[in-house]
Amino acid sequence: MSKPVLKATYSAPDHDFFTASQELATPAPTTSTSTADKTAFLAALRTAVTGVQDEVNRELTARMVLDAQASTKTAADAAAQKEEQNYGEEVMEEDE
């Protein structure tokens, strides 16, 4: 019998797909499983959830950094383009 695996899958239009997974150390309980075996399974499940959550957090943090870098670059490009359009002209900033 194969060991159960906890998986989390992520996909978004602007980022690469990834799957975070952890194999559980104990088999899934059945109706005839003892309380000690069920407790061991739940402990393994808790450990696996923490591991998957850490992996997902690392991946999402990396994607947030990429998004922030792209946003900064876009803002800098827009400012450079505006400056290029107004080159040699005196531009009055409007008070809002």
N, C-alpha and C. Protein backbone atom coordinates (compact mmCIF):
# COMPACT_ATOMS: atom_id res chain seq x y z
N MET A 1 0.84 -1.17 0.00
CA MET A 1 0.00 0.00 0.00
C MET A 1 0.89 1.24 0.00
N SER A 2 0.59 2.18 -0.88
CA SER A 2 1.41 3.38 -0.97
C SER A 2 1.03 4.36 0.14
N LYS A 3 2.00 5.18 0.48
CA LYS A 3 1.76 6.17 1.53
C LYS A 3 1.00 7.35 0.94
N PRO A 4 0.11 7.95 1.73
CA PRO A 4 -0.64 9.10 1.25
C PRO A 4 0.26 10.32 1.08
N VAL A 5 -0.14 11.20 0.17
CA VAL A 5 0.62 12.42 -0.13
C VAL A 5 -0.31 13.61 -0.01
N LEU A 6 0.16 14.64 0.67
CA LEU A 6 -0.58 15.90 0.77
C LEU A 6 -0.03 16.82 -0.31
N LYS A 7 -0.92 17.38 -1.16
CA LYS A 7 -0.49 18.23 -2.26
C LYS A 7 -1.27 19.54 -2.27
N ALA A 8 -0.57 20.60 -2.67
CA ALA A 8 -1.21 21.89 -2.93
C ALA A 8 -0.71 22.35 -4.29
N THR A 9 -1.62 22.78 -5.15
CA THR A 9 -1.26 23.19 -6.50
C THR A 9 -1.60 24.66 -6.69
N TYR A 10 -0.69 25.38 -7.38
CA TYR A 10 -0.86 26.81 -7.64
C TYR A 10 -0.74 27.06 -9.12
N SER A 11 -1.65 27.87 -9.65
CA SER A 11 -1.51 28.33 -11.03
C SER A 11 -2.11 29.72 -11.12
N ALA A 12 -1.47 30.55 -11.94
CA ALA A 12 -1.93 31.91 -12.16
C ALA A 12 -1.53 32.31 -13.58
N PRO A 13 -2.25 33.21 -14.19
CA PRO A 13 -1.97 33.56 -15.59
C PRO A 13 -0.56 34.14 -15.80
N ASP A 14 -0.04 34.89 -14.84
CA ASP A 14 1.23 35.57 -15.05
C ASP A 14 2.42 34.86 -14.41
N HIS A 15 2.22 33.68 -13.83
CA HIS A 15 3.30 32.98 -13.13
C HIS A 15 3.33 31.50 -13.51
N ASP A 16 4.46 30.89 -13.21
CA ASP A 16 4.61 29.46 -13.46
C ASP A 16 3.76 28.66 -12.47
N PHE A 17 3.29 27.54 -12.93
CA PHE A 17 2.54 26.57 -12.14
C PHE A 17 3.50 25.89 -11.17
N PHE A 18 3.06 25.56 -9.94
CA PHE A 18 3.88 24.73 -9.06
C PHE A 18 2.98 23.87 -8.18
N THR A 19 3.56 22.78 -7.72
CA THR A 19 2.89 21.88 -6.79
C THR A 19 3.80 21.67 -5.59
N ALA A 20 3.26 21.86 -4.41
CA ALA A 20 3.97 21.59 -3.17
C ALA A 20 3.39 20.30 -2.62
N SER A 21 4.26 19.37 -2.22
CA SER A 21 3.73 18.10 -1.70
C SER A 21 4.62 17.54 -0.60
N GLN A 22 4.01 16.77 0.25
CA GLN A 22 4.69 16.08 1.34
C GLN A 22 4.08 14.69 1.46
N GLU A 23 4.94 13.68 1.52
CA GLU A 23 4.47 12.32 1.74
C GLU A 23 4.27 12.13 3.24
N LEU A 24 3.15 11.54 3.61
CA LEU A 24 2.88 11.28 5.02
C LEU A 24 3.60 10.01 5.46
N ALA A 25 4.11 10.03 6.66
CA ALA A 25 4.91 8.92 7.16
C ALA A 25 4.08 7.69 7.53
N THR A 26 2.80 7.89 7.76
CA THR A 26 1.94 6.78 8.17
C THR A 26 0.76 6.65 7.22
N PRO A 27 0.24 5.45 7.05
CA PRO A 27 -0.91 5.26 6.15
C PRO A 27 -2.18 5.89 6.72
N ALA A 28 -3.10 6.18 5.83
CA ALA A 28 -4.38 6.76 6.25
C ALA A 28 -5.14 5.77 7.12
N PRO A 29 -5.81 6.26 8.14
CA PRO A 29 -6.55 5.36 9.03
C PRO A 29 -7.79 4.77 8.35
N THR A 30 -8.15 3.62 8.81
CA THR A 30 -9.38 2.98 8.36
C THR A 30 -10.31 2.85 9.55
N THR A 31 -11.49 2.29 9.35
CA THR A 31 -12.43 2.15 10.46
C THR A 31 -11.92 1.20 11.53
N SER A 32 -11.04 0.28 11.15
CA SER A 32 -10.52 -0.68 12.13
C SER A 32 -9.18 -0.26 12.73
N THR A 33 -8.71 0.92 12.40
CA THR A 33 -7.43 1.41 12.90
C THR A 33 -7.56 1.81 14.37
N SER A 34 -6.52 1.53 15.12
CA SER A 34 -6.55 1.86 16.55
C SER A 34 -6.43 3.37 16.75
N THR A 35 -6.77 3.79 17.94
CA THR A 35 -6.67 5.21 18.28
C THR A 35 -5.23 5.69 18.19
N ALA A 36 -4.28 4.88 18.60
CA ALA A 36 -2.86 5.26 18.54
C ALA A 36 -2.42 5.46 17.08
N ASP A 37 -2.90 4.59 16.19
CA ASP A 37 -2.55 4.74 14.77
C ASP A 37 -3.19 5.99 14.17
N LYS A 38 -4.42 6.27 14.57
CA LYS A 38 -5.10 7.49 14.09
C LYS A 38 -4.36 8.73 14.60
N THR A 39 -3.93 8.69 15.85
CA THR A 39 -3.18 9.80 16.43
C THR A 39 -1.86 9.99 15.70
N ALA A 40 -1.18 8.91 15.37
CA ALA A 40 0.08 9.00 14.63
C ALA A 40 -0.14 9.57 13.24
N PHE A 41 -1.23 9.16 12.60
CA PHE A 41 -1.55 9.70 11.28
C PHE A 41 -1.82 11.20 11.35
N LEU A 42 -2.59 11.63 12.34
CA LEU A 42 -2.89 13.05 12.47
C LEU A 42 -1.64 13.87 12.77
N ALA A 43 -0.72 13.31 13.54
CA ALA A 43 0.55 14.00 13.81
C ALA A 43 1.36 14.14 12.52
N ALA A 44 1.39 13.06 11.72
CA ALA A 44 2.11 13.10 10.43
C ALA A 44 1.44 14.10 9.48
N LEU A 45 0.12 14.14 9.50
CA LEU A 45 -0.63 15.07 8.66
C LEU A 45 -0.33 16.51 9.06
N ARG A 46 -0.28 16.78 10.34
CA ARG A 46 0.02 18.13 10.82
C ARG A 46 1.42 18.56 10.37
N THR A 47 2.39 17.66 10.46
CA THR A 47 3.76 17.95 10.02
C THR A 47 3.79 18.21 8.52
N ALA A 48 3.06 17.40 7.76
CA ALA A 48 3.01 17.56 6.30
C ALA A 48 2.36 18.89 5.92
N VAL A 49 1.29 19.27 6.60
CA VAL A 49 0.62 20.54 6.32
C VAL A 49 1.58 21.70 6.55
N THR A 50 2.33 21.65 7.63
CA THR A 50 3.30 22.70 7.91
C THR A 50 4.37 22.75 6.82
N GLY A 51 4.85 21.60 6.38
CA GLY A 51 5.85 21.56 5.32
C GLY A 51 5.33 22.11 4.00
N VAL A 52 4.12 21.74 3.62
CA VAL A 52 3.51 22.24 2.39
C VAL A 52 3.27 23.74 2.51
N GLN A 53 2.79 24.18 3.66
CA GLN A 53 2.54 25.61 3.86
C GLN A 53 3.84 26.41 3.74
N ASP A 54 4.94 25.91 4.30
CA ASP A 54 6.23 26.60 4.17
C ASP A 54 6.66 26.70 2.71
N GLU A 55 6.50 25.62 1.97
CA GLU A 55 6.88 25.60 0.55
C GLU A 55 6.02 26.58 -0.26
N VAL A 56 4.72 26.59 0.01
CA VAL A 56 3.81 27.50 -0.69
C VAL A 56 4.18 28.95 -0.36
N ASN A 57 4.46 29.23 0.91
CA ASN A 57 4.83 30.59 1.31
C ASN A 57 6.11 31.04 0.61
N ARG A 58 7.11 30.16 0.50
CA ARG A 58 8.35 30.52 -0.20
C ARG A 58 8.07 30.84 -1.66
N GLU A 59 7.29 30.00 -2.31
CA GLU A 59 6.98 30.21 -3.73
C GLU A 59 6.19 31.50 -3.95
N LEU A 60 5.19 31.75 -3.12
CA LEU A 60 4.37 32.94 -3.28
C LEU A 60 5.16 34.21 -2.96
N THR A 61 6.05 34.14 -1.99
CA THR A 61 6.90 35.29 -1.68
C THR A 61 7.80 35.61 -2.86
N ALA A 62 8.35 34.59 -3.49
CA ALA A 62 9.18 34.82 -4.68
C ALA A 62 8.37 35.47 -5.79
N ARG A 63 7.12 35.07 -5.96
CA ARG A 63 6.28 35.65 -6.99
C ARG A 63 5.91 37.10 -6.65
N MET A 64 5.72 37.38 -5.37
CA MET A 64 5.44 38.76 -4.95
C MET A 64 6.63 39.67 -5.24
N VAL A 65 7.83 39.16 -5.04
CA VAL A 65 9.04 39.93 -5.35
C VAL A 65 9.10 40.22 -6.85
N LEU A 66 8.82 39.22 -7.66
CA LEU A 66 8.81 39.42 -9.12
C LEU A 66 7.75 40.45 -9.52
N ASP A 67 6.58 40.38 -8.92
CA ASP A 67 5.52 41.35 -9.22
C ASP A 67 5.94 42.77 -8.82
N ALA A 68 6.58 42.91 -7.66
CA ALA A 68 7.02 44.23 -7.20
C ALA A 68 8.10 44.79 -8.14
N GLN A 69 9.02 43.93 -8.57
CA GLN A 69 10.06 44.38 -9.51
C GLN A 69 9.44 44.81 -10.83
N ALA A 70 8.47 44.06 -11.32
CA ALA A 70 7.81 44.41 -12.58
C ALA A 70 7.04 45.72 -12.44
N SER A 71 6.39 45.92 -11.31
CA SER A 71 5.65 47.15 -11.07
C SER A 71 6.58 48.35 -11.02
N THR A 72 7.71 48.20 -10.35
CA THR A 72 8.69 49.29 -10.26
C THR A 72 9.24 49.63 -11.64
N LYS A 73 9.52 48.60 -12.42
CA LYS A 73 10.05 48.82 -13.77
C LYS A 73 9.01 49.52 -14.64
N THR A 74 7.77 49.11 -14.54
CA THR A 74 6.70 49.74 -15.32
C THR A 74 6.54 51.21 -14.94
N ALA A 75 6.59 51.52 -13.65
CA ALA A 75 6.46 52.91 -13.21
C ALA A 75 7.66 53.73 -13.69
N ALA A 76 8.86 53.16 -13.64
CA ALA A 76 10.05 53.88 -14.10
C ALA A 76 9.98 54.10 -15.61
N ASP A 77 9.52 53.11 -16.34
CA ASP A 77 9.37 53.26 -17.80
C ASP A 77 8.36 54.34 -18.14
N ALA A 78 7.25 54.40 -17.40
CA ALA A 78 6.22 55.41 -17.65
C ALA A 78 6.77 56.81 -17.36
N ALA A 79 7.54 56.95 -16.27
CA ALA A 79 8.13 58.25 -15.93
C ALA A 79 9.14 58.67 -16.99
N ALA A 80 9.94 57.73 -17.47
CA ALA A 80 10.93 58.04 -18.50
C ALA A 80 10.23 58.44 -19.80
N GLN A 81 9.15 57.77 -20.14
CA GLN A 81 8.41 58.09 -21.36
C GLN A 81 7.78 59.49 -21.25
N LYS A 82 7.24 59.83 -20.08
CA LYS A 82 6.65 61.15 -19.89
C LYS A 82 7.73 62.23 -20.00
N GLU A 83 8.89 61.95 -19.42
CA GLU A 83 10.00 62.90 -19.49
C GLU A 83 10.46 63.07 -20.93
N GLU A 84 10.49 62.00 -21.68
CA GLU A 84 10.89 62.04 -23.09
C GLU A 84 9.90 62.89 -23.90
N GLN A 85 8.62 62.73 -23.63
CA GLN A 85 7.59 63.49 -24.35
C GLN A 85 7.69 64.98 -24.07
N ASN A 86 8.09 65.33 -22.87
CA ASN A 86 8.15 66.72 -22.46
C ASN A 86 9.56 67.31 -22.56
N TYR A 87 10.47 66.64 -23.20
CA TYR A 87 11.86 67.10 -23.26
C TYR A 87 11.93 68.48 -23.92
N GLY A 88 12.60 69.40 -23.25
CA GLY A 88 12.79 70.74 -23.79
C GLY A 88 11.63 71.67 -23.56
N GLU A 89 10.57 71.19 -22.94
CA GLU A 89 9.41 72.03 -22.69
C GLU A 89 9.28 72.27 -21.20
N GLU A 90 8.78 73.45 -20.87
CA GLU A 90 8.54 73.73 -19.47
C GLU A 90 7.16 73.18 -19.13
N VAL A 91 7.11 72.31 -18.17
CA VAL A 91 5.85 71.67 -17.79
C VAL A 91 5.45 72.18 -16.42
N MET A 92 4.26 72.70 -16.33
CA MET A 92 3.74 73.17 -15.07
C MET A 92 2.93 72.06 -14.44
N GLU A 93 3.26 71.72 -13.22
CA GLU A 93 2.50 70.72 -12.49
C GLU A 93 1.24 71.38 -11.96
N GLU A 94 0.13 70.72 -12.12
CA GLU A 94 -1.14 71.27 -11.63
C GLU A 94 -1.32 70.91 -10.16
N ASP A 95 -1.80 71.89 -9.37
CA ASP A 95 -2.12 71.62 -7.97
C ASP A 95 -3.46 70.93 -7.93
N GLU A 96 -3.52 69.93 -7.10
CA GLU A 96 -4.79 69.19 -7.00
C GLU A 96 -5.46 69.49 -5.71
